[in-house]
C-alpha atoms as a PDB file:
ATOM      1  CA  MET A   1     146.110 105.955 133.308  1.00  0.00           C
ATOM      2  CA  LYS A   2     142.748 107.409 132.975  1.00  0.00           C
ATOM      3  CA  LYS A   3     139.532 105.714 132.192  1.00  0.00           C
ATOM      4  CA  ILE A   4     137.948 106.341 128.719  1.00  0.00           C
ATOM      5  CA  ILE A   5     134.641 105.311 127.625  1.00  0.00           C
ATOM      6  CA  PHE A   6     134.847 104.235 124.008  1.00  0.00           C
ATOM      7  CA  ILE A   7     132.275 102.937 121.622  1.00  0.00           C
ATOM      8  CA  MET A   8     133.478  99.775 120.364  1.00  0.00           C
ATOM      9  CA  LEU A   9     133.216  99.481 116.787  1.00  0.00           C
ATOM     10  CA  ILE A  10     132.196  95.824 115.610  1.00  0.00           C
ATOM     11  CA  ALA A  11     132.601  95.230 111.885  1.00  0.00           C
ATOM     12  CA  LEU A  12     129.483  93.762 110.231  1.00  0.00           C
ATOM     13  CA  ASN A  13     130.233  90.321 108.627  1.00  0.00           C
ATOM     14  CA  ILE A  14     129.598  91.903 105.253  1.00  0.00           C
ATOM     15  CA  PRO A  15     131.633  91.031 102.091  1.00  0.00           C
ATOM     16  CA  VAL A  16     133.890  93.983 100.977  1.00  0.00           C
ATOM     17  CA  SER A  17     133.796  93.216  97.182  1.00  0.00           C
ATOM     18  CA  ALA A  18     131.049  95.627  96.765  1.00  0.00           C
ATOM     19  CA  GLN A  19     132.001  99.172  97.724  1.00  0.00           C
ATOM     20  CA  SER A  20     131.259 102.757  97.087  1.00  0.00           C
ATOM     21  CA  ILE A  21     133.830 105.605  97.926  1.00  0.00           C
ATOM     22  CA  ILE A  22     132.438 108.617  99.480  1.00  0.00           C
ATOM     23  CA  GLU A  23     134.184 111.880 100.251  1.00  0.00           C
ATOM     24  CA  ILE A  24     133.903 112.923 103.989  1.00  0.00           C
ATOM     25  CA  THR A  25     134.932 115.607 106.470  1.00  0.00           C
ATOM     26  CA  VAL A  26     134.591 115.003 110.041  1.00  0.00           C
ATOM     27  CA  LYS A  27     135.783 116.779 113.539  1.00  0.00           C
ATOM     28  CA  GLY A  28     137.335 114.755 116.032  1.00  0.00           C
ATOM     29  CA  ILE A  29     137.158 115.803 119.630  1.00  0.00           C
ATOM     30  CA  SER A  30     139.449 114.582 122.664  1.00  0.00           C
ATOM     31  CA  ASP A  31     137.856 114.349 126.024  1.00  0.00           C
ATOM     32  CA  SER A  32     137.854 117.765 128.117  1.00  0.00           C
ATOM     33  CA  LYS A  33     140.709 116.364 130.406  1.00  0.00           C
ATOM     34  CA  LYS A  34     143.891 118.030 129.548  1.00  0.00           C
ATOM     35  CA  ASP A  35     146.545 115.152 129.137  1.00  0.00           C
ATOM     36  CA  GLY A  36     149.238 116.942 127.385  1.00  0.00           C
ATOM     37  CA  ALA A  37     148.871 118.176 123.671  1.00  0.00           C
ATOM     38  CA  GLN A  38     150.585 114.877 121.965  1.00  0.00           C
ATOM     39  CA  GLN A  39     147.848 112.886 123.951  1.00  0.00           C
ATOM     40  CA  ASP A  40     144.836 114.956 123.326  1.00  0.00           C
ATOM     41  CA  ARG A  41     145.866 115.183 119.669  1.00  0.00           C
ATOM     42  CA  LEU A  42     145.707 111.414 119.507  1.00  0.00           C
ATOM     43  CA  GLU A  43     142.434 111.265 121.353  1.00  0.00           C
ATOM     44  CA  ALA A  44     140.891 113.634 118.691  1.00  0.00           C
ATOM     45  CA  ILE A  45     142.425 111.896 115.624  1.00  0.00           C
ATOM     46  CA  THR A  46     141.197 108.565 117.044  1.00  0.00           C
ATOM     47  CA  ASP A  47     137.537 110.125 117.488  1.00  0.00           C
ATOM     48  CA  ALA A  48     137.930 111.430 114.001  1.00  0.00           C
ATOM     49  CA  LYS A  49     138.993 108.020 112.353  1.00  0.00           C
ATOM     50  CA  ARG A  50     136.269 106.556 114.683  1.00  0.00           C
ATOM     51  CA  GLN A  51     133.475 108.527 112.802  1.00  0.00           C
ATOM     52  CA  ALA A  52     135.046 107.754 109.714  1.00  0.00           C
ATOM     53  CA  CYS A  53     134.412 103.714 110.248  1.00  0.00           C
ATOM     54  CA  GLU A  54     131.032 104.479 111.286  1.00  0.00           C
ATOM     55  CA  LYS A  55     130.235 106.494 108.086  1.00  0.00           C
ATOM     56  CA  ALA A  56     131.596 103.470 106.012  1.00  0.00           C
ATOM     57  CA  GLY A  57     129.000 101.164 107.631  1.00  0.00           C
ATOM     58  CA  LEU A  58     130.770  99.760 110.800  1.00  0.00           C
ATOM     59  CA  ARG A  59     127.798  99.154 113.587  1.00  0.00           C
ATOM     60  CA  LEU A  60     128.310 101.178 117.088  1.00  0.00           C
ATOM     61  CA  GLU A  61     127.690  97.832 119.081  1.00  0.00           C
ATOM     62  CA  SER A  62     128.272  98.573 122.779  1.00  0.00           C
ATOM     63  CA  LYS A  63     130.037 100.968 124.933  1.00  0.00           C
ATOM     64  CA  THR A  64     133.080  99.467 126.781  1.00  0.00           C
ATOM     65  CA  THR A  65     135.369 101.183 129.273  1.00  0.00           C
ATOM     66  CA  VAL A  66     139.054 100.278 128.876  1.00  0.00           C
ATOM     67  CA  GLU A  67     141.951 101.384 131.070  1.00  0.00           C
ATOM     68  CA  ASN A  68     144.460 101.671 128.419  1.00  0.00           C
ATOM     69  CA  PHE A  69     143.885 104.350 125.678  1.00  0.00           C
ATOM     70  CA  LYS A  70     146.558 102.623 123.452  1.00  0.00           C
ATOM     71  CA  ALA A  71     144.036  99.733 123.168  1.00  0.00           C
ATOM     72  CA  VAL A  72     141.313 102.344 122.002  1.00  0.00           C
ATOM     73  CA  PHE A  73     143.861 103.700 119.377  1.00  0.00           C
ATOM     74  CA  ASP A  74     145.322 100.439 117.990  1.00  0.00           C
ATOM     75  CA  TYR A  75     141.962  99.243 117.421  1.00  0.00           C
ATOM     76  CA  VAL A  76     140.474 102.415 115.511  1.00  0.00           C
ATOM     77  CA  GLU A  77     143.849 102.264 113.562  1.00  0.00           C
ATOM     78  CA  THR A  78     143.461  98.809 112.478  1.00  0.00           C
ATOM     79  CA  GLN A  79     139.851  99.180 111.474  1.00  0.00           C
ATOM     80  CA  SER A  80     140.284 102.507 109.737  1.00  0.00           C
ATOM     81  CA  GLN A  81     143.154 101.268 107.675  1.00  0.00           C
ATOM     82  CA  GLY A  82     140.753  99.348 105.556  1.00  0.00           C
ATOM     83  CA  ILE A  83     138.164 102.217 105.283  1.00  0.00           C
ATOM     84  CA  LEU A  84     140.453 105.521 104.694  1.00  0.00           C
ATOM     85  CA  LEU A  85     141.778 105.758 101.273  1.00  0.00           C
ATOM     86  CA  PRO A  86     145.358 107.183 100.891  1.00  0.00           C
ATOM     87  CA  GLY A  87     145.593 111.164 100.737  1.00  0.00           C
ATOM     88  CA  PHE A  88     143.355 112.038 103.271  1.00  0.00           C
ATOM     89  CA  GLN A  89     144.268 115.127 105.752  1.00  0.00           C
ATOM     90  CA  ILE A  90     143.992 115.812 109.167  1.00  0.00           C
ATOM     91  CA  ILE A  91     143.836 119.715 109.806  1.00  0.00           C
ATOM     92  CA  GLU A  92     144.868 120.723 113.170  1.00  0.00           C
ATOM     93  CA  VAL A  93     142.421 122.941 114.979  1.00  0.00           C
ATOM     94  CA  GLY A  94     144.166 122.657 118.381  1.00  0.00           C
ATOM     95  CA  TYR A  95     142.651 123.599 121.658  1.00  0.00           C
ATOM     96  CA  VAL A  96     139.241 125.436 121.695  1.00  0.00           C
ATOM     97  CA  GLU A  97     137.547 127.375 124.369  1.00  0.00           C
ATOM     98  CA  ASP A  98     135.890 124.266 126.161  1.00  0.00           C
ATOM     99  CA  GLY A  99     139.322 122.606 126.662  1.00  0.00           C
ATOM    100  CA  THR A 100     139.077 120.023 124.131  1.00  0.00           C
ATOM    101  CA  TYR A 101     141.659 119.483 121.297  1.00  0.00           C
ATOM    102  CA  GLN A 102     140.115 119.180 118.038  1.00  0.00           C
ATOM    103  CA  VAL A 103     141.156 118.169 114.514  1.00  0.00           C
ATOM    104  CA  VAL A 104     139.250 117.933 111.367  1.00  0.00           C
ATOM    105  CA  LEU A 105     139.710 114.598 108.991  1.00  0.00           C
ATOM    106  CA  SER A 106     139.027 115.344 105.204  1.00  0.00           C
ATOM    107  CA  GLY A 107     139.164 112.580 102.633  1.00  0.00           C
ATOM    108  CA  LYS A 108     137.737 109.662 100.901  1.00  0.00           C
ATOM    109  CA  ILE A 109     136.556 106.313 102.473  1.00  0.00           C
ATOM    110  CA  LYS A 110     135.092 102.888 100.969  1.00  0.00           C
ATOM    111  CA  LYS A 111     131.777 102.621 102.048  1.00  0.00           C
ATOM    112  CA  ILE A 112     130.853  98.906 102.950  1.00  0.00           C
ATOM    113  CA  GLU A 113     127.728  97.757 101.220  1.00  0.00           C
ATOM    114  CA  GLU A 114     126.156  94.020 101.046  1.00  0.00           C
ATOM    115  CA  ASP A 115     127.533  91.932  98.297  1.00  0.00           C
ATOM    116  CA  ASN A 116     125.612  91.282  95.276  1.00  0.00           C
ATOM    117  CA  ILE A 117     123.187  88.347  95.514  1.00  0.00           C
ATOM    118  CA  SER A 118     124.413  85.152  94.190  1.00  0.00           C
ATOM    119  CA  SER A 119     121.188  83.150  94.050  1.00  0.00           C
ATOM    120  CA  LYS A 120     119.097  83.820  90.529  1.00  0.00           C
ATOM    121  CA  GLU A 121     115.881  82.826  92.452  1.00  0.00           C
ATOM    122  CA  LEU A 122     116.474  85.788  94.975  1.00  0.00           C
ATOM    123  CA  ARG A 123     117.905  88.057  92.387  1.00  0.00           C
ATOM    124  CA  TYR A 124     114.452  87.924  90.847  1.00  0.00           C
ATOM    125  CA  ALA A 125     113.149  88.262  94.335  1.00  0.00           C
ATOM    126  CA  LYS A 126     115.025  91.576  94.702  1.00  0.00           C
ATOM    127  CA  SER A 127     113.724  92.868  91.388  1.00  0.00           C
ATOM    128  CA  LEU A 128     110.254  92.128  92.360  1.00  0.00           C
ATOM    129  CA  ASN A 129     110.961  93.833  95.669  1.00  0.00           C
ATOM    130  CA  ASP A 130     112.639  97.119  94.102  1.00  0.00           C
ATOM    131  CA  ARG A 131     109.655  97.360  91.441  1.00  0.00           C
ATOM    132  CA  GLY A 132     107.338  97.482  94.709  1.00  0.00           C
ATOM    133  CA  ASN A 133     105.633  93.926  93.453  1.00  0.00           C
ATOM    134  CA  ALA A 134     105.539  92.745  97.713  1.00  0.00           C
ATOM    135  CA  ARG A 135     103.080  90.112  97.073  1.00  0.00           C
ATOM    136  CA  GLU A 136     105.265  88.054  94.480  1.00  0.00           C
ATOM    137  CA  CYS A 137     108.382  88.810  96.558  1.00  0.00           C
ATOM    138  CA  ILE A 138     106.996  87.396  99.702  1.00  0.00           C
ATOM    139  CA  ASP A 139     105.444  84.367  97.831  1.00  0.00           C
ATOM    140  CA  ILE A 140     108.943  83.565  96.524  1.00  0.00           C
ATOM    141  CA  LEU A 141     110.788  84.076  99.979  1.00  0.00           C
ATOM    142  CA  GLN A 142     108.314  82.036 101.590  1.00  0.00           C
ATOM    143  CA  LYS A 143     108.531  79.397  98.898  1.00  0.00           C
ATOM    144  CA  TYR A 144     112.199  78.522  99.573  1.00  0.00           C
ATOM    145  CA  MET A 145     112.644  79.535 103.538  1.00  0.00           C
ATOM    146  CA  ASP A 146     110.067  76.922 104.324  1.00  0.00           C
ATOM    147  CA  SER A 147     110.939  74.262 101.639  1.00  0.00           C
ATOM    148  CA  LYS A 148     110.817  70.619 102.137  1.00  0.00           C
ATOM    149  CA  ASP A 149     112.380  69.888  98.866  1.00  0.00           C
ATOM    150  CA  GLU A 150     115.836  68.292  99.395  1.00  0.00           C
ATOM    151  CA  SER A 151     117.119  69.990  96.254  1.00  0.00           C
ATOM    152  CA  VAL A 152     116.532  73.573  98.136  1.00  0.00           C
ATOM    153  CA  SER A 153     119.892  74.392  99.886  1.00  0.00           C
ATOM    154  CA  GLU A 154     120.178  75.248 103.335  1.00  0.00           C
ATOM    155  CA  GLU A 155     121.867  78.630 102.329  1.00  0.00           C
ATOM    156  CA  LEU A 156     118.904  79.717 100.158  1.00  0.00           C
ATOM    157  CA  LYS A 157     116.547  78.915 102.829  1.00  0.00           C
ATOM    158  CA  GLU A 158     118.791  81.028 105.312  1.00  0.00           C
ATOM    159  CA  GLN A 159     118.905  83.657 102.623  1.00  0.00           C
ATOM    160  CA  SER A 160     115.609  83.626 101.925  1.00  0.00           C
ATOM    161  CA  LEU A 161     114.605  84.325 105.698  1.00  0.00           C
ATOM    162  CA  TYR A 162     117.325  86.986 105.811  1.00  0.00           C
ATOM    163  CA  TYR A 163     115.714  88.891 103.049  1.00  0.00           C
ATOM    164  CA  LEU A 164     112.145  88.368 104.338  1.00  0.00           C
ATOM    165  CA  ILE A 165     113.445  90.434 107.413  1.00  0.00           C
ATOM    166  CA  LYS A 166     115.828  92.954 105.574  1.00  0.00           C
ATOM    167  CA  TRP A 167     113.253  93.871 102.862  1.00  0.00           C
ATOM    168  CA  GLY A 168     110.596  94.706 105.510  1.00  0.00           C
ATOM    169  CA  TYR A 169     107.960  92.002 105.274  1.00  0.00           C
ATOM    170  CA  ALA A 170     108.290  90.518 108.708  1.00  0.00           C
ATOM    171  CA  GLN A 171     105.142  91.365 110.588  1.00  0.00           C
ATOM    172  CA  ASN A 172     106.833  90.563 113.994  1.00  0.00           C
ATOM    173  CA  ILE A 173     110.839  91.259 113.275  1.00  0.00           C
ATOM    174  CA  THR A 174     111.738  90.216 116.685  1.00  0.00           C
ATOM    175  CA  GLU A 175     109.864  87.012 116.516  1.00  0.00           C
ATOM    176  CA  LEU A 176     111.064  86.193 112.996  1.00  0.00           C
ATOM    177  CA  TYR A 177     114.814  87.373 114.196  1.00  0.00           C
ATOM    178  CA  GLU A 178     114.258  84.892 117.333  1.00  0.00           C
ATOM    179  CA  LYS A 179     113.293  82.024 114.616  1.00  0.00           C
ATOM    180  CA  PHE A 180     116.309  83.036 112.446  1.00  0.00           C
ATOM    181  CA  ALA A 181     118.467  82.619 115.400  1.00  0.00           C
ATOM    182  CA  ALA A 182     117.256  79.221 116.380  1.00  0.00           C
ATOM    183  CA  TYR A 183     117.367  77.960 112.757  1.00  0.00           C
ATOM    184  CA  TYR A 184     121.074  79.277 111.915  1.00  0.00           C
ATOM    185  CA  PRO A 185     122.863  80.208 115.068  1.00  0.00           C
ATOM    186  CA  GLN A 186     126.064  80.254 113.025  1.00  0.00           C
ATOM    187  CA  SER A 187     125.045  82.528 110.498  1.00  0.00           C
ATOM    188  CA  LYS A 188     127.100  85.409 109.095  1.00  0.00           C
ATOM    189  CA  TYR A 189     123.757  87.500 109.174  1.00  0.00           C
ATOM    190  CA  LEU A 190     122.837  87.114 112.711  1.00  0.00           C
ATOM    191  CA  ASN A 191     124.540  89.800 114.157  1.00  0.00           C
ATOM    192  CA  THR A 192     122.964  92.328 111.807  1.00  0.00           C
ATOM    193  CA  LEU A 193     119.755  90.796 112.279  1.00  0.00           C
ATOM    194  CA  LYS A 194     120.061  91.054 116.060  1.00  0.00           C
ATOM    195  CA  SER A 195     120.972  94.784 116.070  1.00  0.00           C
ATOM    196  CA  PHE A 196     118.075  95.563 113.810  1.00  0.00           C
ATOM    197  CA  SER A 197     115.700  93.690 115.661  1.00  0.00           C
ATOM    198  CA  GLU A 198     116.743  95.644 118.935  1.00  0.00           C
ATOM    199  CA  PHE A 199     116.651  98.951 116.899  1.00  0.00           C
ATOM    200  CA  THR A 200     113.307  98.655 115.884  1.00  0.00           C
ATOM    201  CA  ALA A 201     111.897  97.624 118.914  1.00  0.00           C
ATOM    202  CA  LYS A 202     110.762 101.169 119.329  1.00  0.00           C
ATOM    203  CA  PRO A 203     109.696 103.635 116.730  1.00  0.00           C
ATOM    204  CA  LEU A 204     111.894 106.208 115.335  1.00  0.00           C
ATOM    205  CA  TYR A 205     109.229 109.011 115.865  1.00  0.00           C
ATOM    206  CA  GLU A 206     106.277 109.367 117.561  1.00  0.00           C
ATOM    207  CA  LEU A 207     104.115 112.706 117.238  1.00  0.00           C
ATOM    208  CA  ASP A 208     101.008 112.731 119.356  1.00  0.00           C
ATOM    209  CA  LYS A 209     100.410 116.407 119.685  1.00  0.00           C
ATOM    210  CA  LYS A 210      97.418 118.481 120.947  1.00  0.00           C
ATOM    211  CA  TYR A 211      96.730 122.261 119.846  1.00  0.00           C
ATOM    212  CA  THR A 212      94.355 124.772 120.932  1.00  0.00           C
ATOM    213  CA  LEU A 213      93.316 127.288 118.250  1.00  0.00           C
ATOM    214  CA  LYS A 214      91.393 130.522 118.346  1.00  0.00           C
ATOM    215  CA  LYS A 215      89.409 132.370 115.919  1.00  0.00           C
ATOM    216  CA  SER A 216      91.882 135.133 115.906  1.00  0.00           C
ATOM    217  CA  LYS A 217      94.510 132.722 114.528  1.00  0.00           C
ATOM    218  CA  TRP A 218      93.043 132.983 110.949  1.00  0.00           C
ATOM    219  CA  ASP A 219      95.480 134.853 108.954  1.00  0.00           C
ATOM    220  CA  ASN A 220      94.497 136.648 106.016  1.00  0.00           C
ATOM    221  CA  LYS A 221      96.022 134.421 102.984  1.00  0.00           C
ATOM    222  CA  LYS A 222      94.157 133.455  99.983  1.00  0.00           C
ATOM    223  CA  TYR A 223      94.404 130.132  98.484  1.00  0.00           C
ATOM    224  CA  VAL A 224      92.873 128.746  95.253  1.00  0.00           C
ATOM    225  CA  HIS A 225      92.329 124.978  94.450  1.00  0.00           C
ATOM    226  CA  GLU A 226      90.415 124.284  91.244  1.00  0.00           C
ATOM    227  CA  ASP A 227      87.113 126.252  91.305  1.00  0.00           C
ATOM    228  CA  MET A 228      87.067 127.031  95.358  1.00  0.00           C
ATOM    229  CA  ALA A 229      89.151 130.115  96.658  1.00  0.00           C
ATOM    230  CA  PHE A 230      89.492 130.422 100.202  1.00  0.00           C
ATOM    231  CA  ASP A 231      90.593 133.966 101.880  1.00  0.00           C
ATOM    232  CA  LYS A 232      92.237 132.826 105.409  1.00  0.00           C
ATOM    233  CA  GLN A 233      94.309 130.058 106.549  1.00  0.00           C
ATOM    234  CA  ILE A 234      95.898 128.738 109.939  1.00  0.00           C
ATOM    235  CA  HIS A 235      98.938 126.606 109.793  1.00  0.00           C
ATOM    236  CA  VAL A 236      98.532 124.266 112.528  1.00  0.00           C
ATOM    237  CA  GLU A 237     101.842 122.511 112.178  1.00  0.00           C
ATOM    238  CA  GLN A 238     104.911 123.287 110.106  1.00  0.00           C
ATOM    239  CA  ASP A 239     107.893 121.505 111.139  1.00  0.00           C
ATOM    240  CA  THR A 240     110.730 119.156 109.982  1.00  0.00           C
ATOM    241  CA  ILE A 241     111.418 115.977 111.679  1.00  0.00           C
ATOM    242  CA  LEU A 242     114.684 114.249 111.578  1.00  0.00           C
ATOM    243  CA  LEU A 243     115.214 110.668 111.485  1.00  0.00           C
ATOM    244  CA  LYS A 244     118.233 108.586 112.353  1.00  0.00           C
ATOM    245  CA  ASP A 245     118.146 104.942 110.582  1.00  0.00           C
ATOM    246  CA  PHE A 246     119.408 101.828 111.368  1.00  0.00           C
ATOM    247  CA  LYS A 247     122.998 102.804 109.684  1.00  0.00           C
ATOM    248  CA  ASN A 248     122.942 106.159 111.456  1.00  0.00           C
ATOM    249  CA  ASN A 249     121.969 107.955 108.313  1.00  0.00           C
ATOM    250  CA  LEU A 250     119.906 111.012 108.545  1.00  0.00           C
ATOM    251  CA  HIS A 251     116.491 111.309 106.839  1.00  0.00           C
ATOM    252  CA  SER A 252     113.727 114.463 106.834  1.00  0.00           C
ATOM    253  CA  ILE A 253     110.290 114.642 106.970  1.00  0.00           C
ATOM    254  CA  VAL A 254     108.665 118.038 106.477  1.00  0.00           C
ATOM    255  CA  VAL A 255     105.157 118.445 108.079  1.00  0.00           C
ATOM    256  CA  ASP A 256     102.796 120.835 106.737  1.00  0.00           C
ATOM    257  CA  TYR A 257      99.178 121.000 108.236  1.00  0.00           C
ATOM    258  CA  THR A 258      96.871 123.746 107.182  1.00  0.00           C
ATOM    259  CA  TYR A 259      93.181 125.021 107.646  1.00  0.00           C
ATOM    260  CA  PHE A 260      91.277 126.898 105.050  1.00  0.00           C
ATOM    261  CA  LEU A 261      88.275 128.920 105.255  1.00  0.00           C
ATOM    262  CA  ASN A 262      86.243 130.927 103.031  1.00  0.00           C
ATOM    263  CA  THR A 263      84.028 133.779 104.699  1.00  0.00           C
ATOM    264  CA  ASP A 264      81.704 134.101 101.382  1.00  0.00           C
ATOM    265  CA  GLU A 265      78.314 133.383 102.832  1.00  0.00           C
ATOM    266  CA  ASN A 266      77.591 131.639  99.350  1.00  0.00           C
ATOM    267  CA  ALA A 267      80.480 129.236  99.606  1.00  0.00           C
ATOM    268  CA  LYS A 268      79.335 125.708  99.030  1.00  0.00           C
ATOM    269  CA  ASN A 269      82.459 124.682 100.912  1.00  0.00           C
ATOM    270  CA  PRO A 270      83.564 127.245 103.090  1.00  0.00           C
ATOM    271  CA  ARG A 271      86.218 125.035 105.002  1.00  0.00           C
ATOM    272  CA  ALA A 272      88.820 122.529 104.203  1.00  0.00           C
ATOM    273  CA  GLN A 273      92.026 121.094 105.418  1.00  0.00           C
ATOM    274  CA  ARG A 274      95.136 119.642 104.014  1.00  0.00           C
ATOM    275  CA  MET A 275      98.116 117.671 105.471  1.00  0.00           C
ATOM    276  CA  ILE A 276     101.253 117.175 103.619  1.00  0.00           C
ATOM    277  CA  LEU A 277     103.990 114.522 104.824  1.00  0.00           C
ATOM    278  CA  THR A 278     107.153 115.028 102.452  1.00  0.00           C
ATOM    279  CA  TYR A 279     109.783 112.764 102.764  1.00  0.00           C
ATOM    280  CA  TYR A 280     113.813 113.474 102.012  1.00  0.00           C
ATOM    281  CA  PRO A 281     116.520 110.944 102.197  1.00  0.00           C
ATOM    282  CA  ALA A 282     119.076 113.571 103.967  1.00  0.00           C
ATOM    283  CA  ASP A 283     119.397 116.247 106.696  1.00  0.00           C
ATOM    284  CA  ILE A 284     117.631 119.107 104.798  1.00  0.00           C
ATOM    285  CA  LYS A 285     117.925 121.353 108.108  1.00  0.00           C
ATOM    286  CA  LYS A 286     121.531 121.502 107.293  1.00  0.00           C
ATOM    287  CA  GLY A 287     121.257 122.481 103.899  1.00  0.00           C
ATOM    288  CA  GLY A 288     121.333 119.083 102.232  1.00  0.00           C
ATOM    289  CA  LYS A 289     118.173 120.002  99.969  1.00  0.00           C
ATOM    290  CA  LYS A 290     120.184 123.080  98.891  1.00  0.00           C
ATOM    291  CA  ASN A 291     123.448 121.394  98.121  1.00  0.00           C
ATOM    292  CA  GLN A 292     122.262 118.858  95.669  1.00  0.00           C
ATOM    293  CA  PRO A 293     119.043 118.051  94.205  1.00  0.00           C
ATOM    294  CA  LEU A 294     117.171 115.592  96.306  1.00  0.00           C
ATOM    295  CA  PRO A 295     114.614 113.002  95.585  1.00  0.00           C
ATOM    296  CA  GLU A 296     111.435 113.584  97.453  1.00  0.00           C
ATOM    297  CA  SER A 297     108.094 111.673  97.922  1.00  0.00           C
ATOM    298  CA  LYS A 298     104.867 112.319  99.509  1.00  0.00           C
ATOM    299  CA  ILE A 299     103.868 110.093 102.400  1.00  0.00           C
ATOM    300  CA  ILE A 300     100.648 111.928 102.857  1.00  0.00           C
ATOM    301  CA  GLU A 301      99.173 114.273 100.344  1.00  0.00           C
ATOM    302  CA  ASP A 302      95.652 115.220 100.953  1.00  0.00           C
ATOM    303  CA  GLU A 303      95.465 118.002  98.358  1.00  0.00           C
ATOM    304  CA  LEU A 304      92.356 119.261  99.817  1.00  0.00           C
ATOM    305  CA  ARG A 305      89.565 117.793 102.370  1.00  0.00           C
ATOM    306  CA  THR A 306      86.556 119.935 101.849  1.00  0.00           C
ATOM    307  CA  TYR A 307      83.463 120.273 104.418  1.00  0.00           C
ATOM    308  CA  ALA A 308      80.120 121.563 102.870  1.00  0.00           C
ATOM    309  CA  LYS A 309      77.943 124.473 104.220  1.00  0.00           C
ATOM    310  CA  GLY A 310      76.000 123.313 107.084  1.00  0.00           C
ATOM    311  CA  SER A 311      78.145 120.357 107.939  1.00  0.00           C
ATOM    312  CA  SER A 312      79.631 119.922 111.194  1.00  0.00           C
ATOM    313  CA  ASN A 313      82.630 121.889 112.342  1.00  0.00           C
ATOM    314  CA  ASP A 314      84.028 118.680 113.989  1.00  0.00           C
ATOM    315  CA  PHE A 315      86.252 116.173 112.174  1.00  0.00           C
ATOM    316  CA  GLN A 316      88.193 112.887 112.687  1.00  0.00           C
ATOM    317  CA  PHE A 317      90.245 111.112 110.051  1.00  0.00           C
ATOM    318  CA  TYR A 318      92.251 107.916 110.330  1.00  0.00           C
ATOM    319  CA  GLY A 319      94.697 107.124 107.573  1.00  0.00           C
ATOM    320  CA  SER A 320      96.027 103.428 106.572  1.00  0.00           C
ATOM    321  CA  GLU A 321      99.717 102.369 106.857  1.00  0.00           C
ATOM    322  CA  LYS A 322     101.960 104.062 104.420  1.00  0.00           C
ATOM    323  CA  TRP A 323     105.451 102.740 103.476  1.00  0.00           C
ATOM    324  CA  PHE A 324     108.229 105.104 102.120  1.00  0.00           C
ATOM    325  CA  GLY A 325     111.940 104.369 101.820  1.00  0.00           C
ATOM    326  CA  TYR A 326     113.029 102.196 104.582  1.00  0.00           C
ATOM    327  CA  PHE A 327     110.183 103.351 106.975  1.00  0.00           C
ATOM    328  CA  LYS A 328     106.696 103.026 107.319  1.00  0.00           C
ATOM    329  CA  LEU A 329     104.115 105.470 108.927  1.00  0.00           C
ATOM    330  CA  SER A 330     101.150 104.244 111.084  1.00  0.00           C
ATOM    331  CA  ASN A 331      98.632 105.220 113.523  1.00  0.00           C
ATOM    332  CA  TYR A 332      97.894 108.048 111.541  1.00  0.00           C
ATOM    333  CA  SER A 333      95.140 110.322 112.438  1.00  0.00           C
ATOM    334  CA  LEU A 334      93.626 113.825 112.669  1.00  0.00           C
ATOM    335  CA  LYS A 335      90.834 115.265 114.960  1.00  0.00           C
ATOM    336  CA  GLY A 336      89.661 118.569 115.875  1.00  0.00           C
ATOM    337  CA  THR A 337      86.886 121.465 115.445  1.00  0.00           C
ATOM    338  CA  PHE A 338      87.351 124.133 113.073  1.00  0.00           C
ATOM    339  CA  PRO A 339      87.701 127.430 115.052  1.00  0.00           C
ATOM    340  CA  THR A 340      84.853 129.695 113.471  1.00  0.00           C
ATOM    341  CA  GLY A 341      83.169 130.885 116.572  1.00  0.00           C
ATOM    342  CA  THR A 342      84.383 132.376 119.735  1.00  0.00           C
ATOM    343  CA  GLY A 343      86.293 130.365 122.344  1.00  0.00           C
ATOM    344  CA  GLU A 344      89.125 127.882 122.237  1.00  0.00           C
ATOM    345  CA  TYR A 345      88.952 124.786 119.852  1.00  0.00           C
ATOM    346  CA  GLU A 346      91.194 121.667 120.118  1.00  0.00           C
ATOM    347  CA  GLN A 347      92.874 119.657 117.518  1.00  0.00           C
ATOM    348  CA  SER A 348      95.069 116.580 117.484  1.00  0.00           C
ATOM    349  CA  VAL A 349      97.550 115.100 115.461  1.00  0.00           C
ATOM    350  CA  ARG A 350      99.047 111.774 115.844  1.00  0.00           C
ATOM    351  CA  PHE A 351     101.402 109.345 113.649  1.00  0.00           C
ATOM    352  CA  THR A 352     104.190 106.887 114.268  1.00  0.00           C
ATOM    353  CA  ILE A 353     107.285 106.073 112.283  1.00  0.00           C
ATOM    354  CA  SER A 354     109.120 103.236 112.330  1.00  0.00           C
ATOM    355  CA  GLN A 355     111.979 101.415 110.143  1.00  0.00           C
ATOM    356  CA  ARG A 356     110.695  98.316 108.291  1.00  0.00           C
ATOM    357  CA  SER A 357     114.030  97.426 106.276  1.00  0.00           C
ATOM    358  CA  PHE A 358     117.535  98.272 105.738  1.00  0.00           C
END
């Protein structure tokens, strides 16, 4: 029997009483080794059901080599029975050019979510967190997690420390996770926090890019802002960044960094720049924005940063940390020289995006 590399699904220790139902369509694929239509079909169906489990919120934990495909099949079947709702369809595609057998699974799944908070103290803390009142929320969590009051239960202390990490208030996630593991080694939250700590060890995205611009790059495009008019533009950076979060959901950040120039000799502010970073909680590259209205938020919106006549063509700007959604932007900087003369002019853009909560 051949070896199969299988990504073992470990169910998070989360109550299933709070669930939402979503529709999914996933493509299951066998490996490229032809073992007969029946075996290859089962491999493709197993892959499709594995993806359904992932979309429901089961965590991808580790890669395991198994000798027997039946063990993989049985495991996924067991997990998917609690996820896939009756009425789902397996649409046969069959063998395709690359030699794999493919199927399409379409139907509804129960998406596992965290249960409601039972403690009234933490419900109030959550309401503060949801309203963006971070300071009061942190005060409440710290009050209970470090309490010496015998009337404060260990469960409330444990949950307070858990939500301090989950809601993004840990200055050092790894350090606080280690504290949690030492205090509560049998906690039902431990595996989740361990995975989150490992996930956040590296940033989700780092942009540290240098550009070389010439005077010839200016486009004859007009832009008017309040009482100022510009007749030339250079788009330094226009891109859409995709982020995959801790729960394997995709998010988009649209980058639009532009220079403006007014060639009128009498212009008081002949040069300007604008950086806009816009966040969408979906993959807009695949039409997510078109298919449904999506909330958007501006991470950075410098409507226009102007430079007076006679001022230096050189500039540098450093921004403060920004929180948006489950994420934070840090190490933000813009440096460069407006290309208004002959030769080449260097520019640089830098920022880091990390996940701060889940």
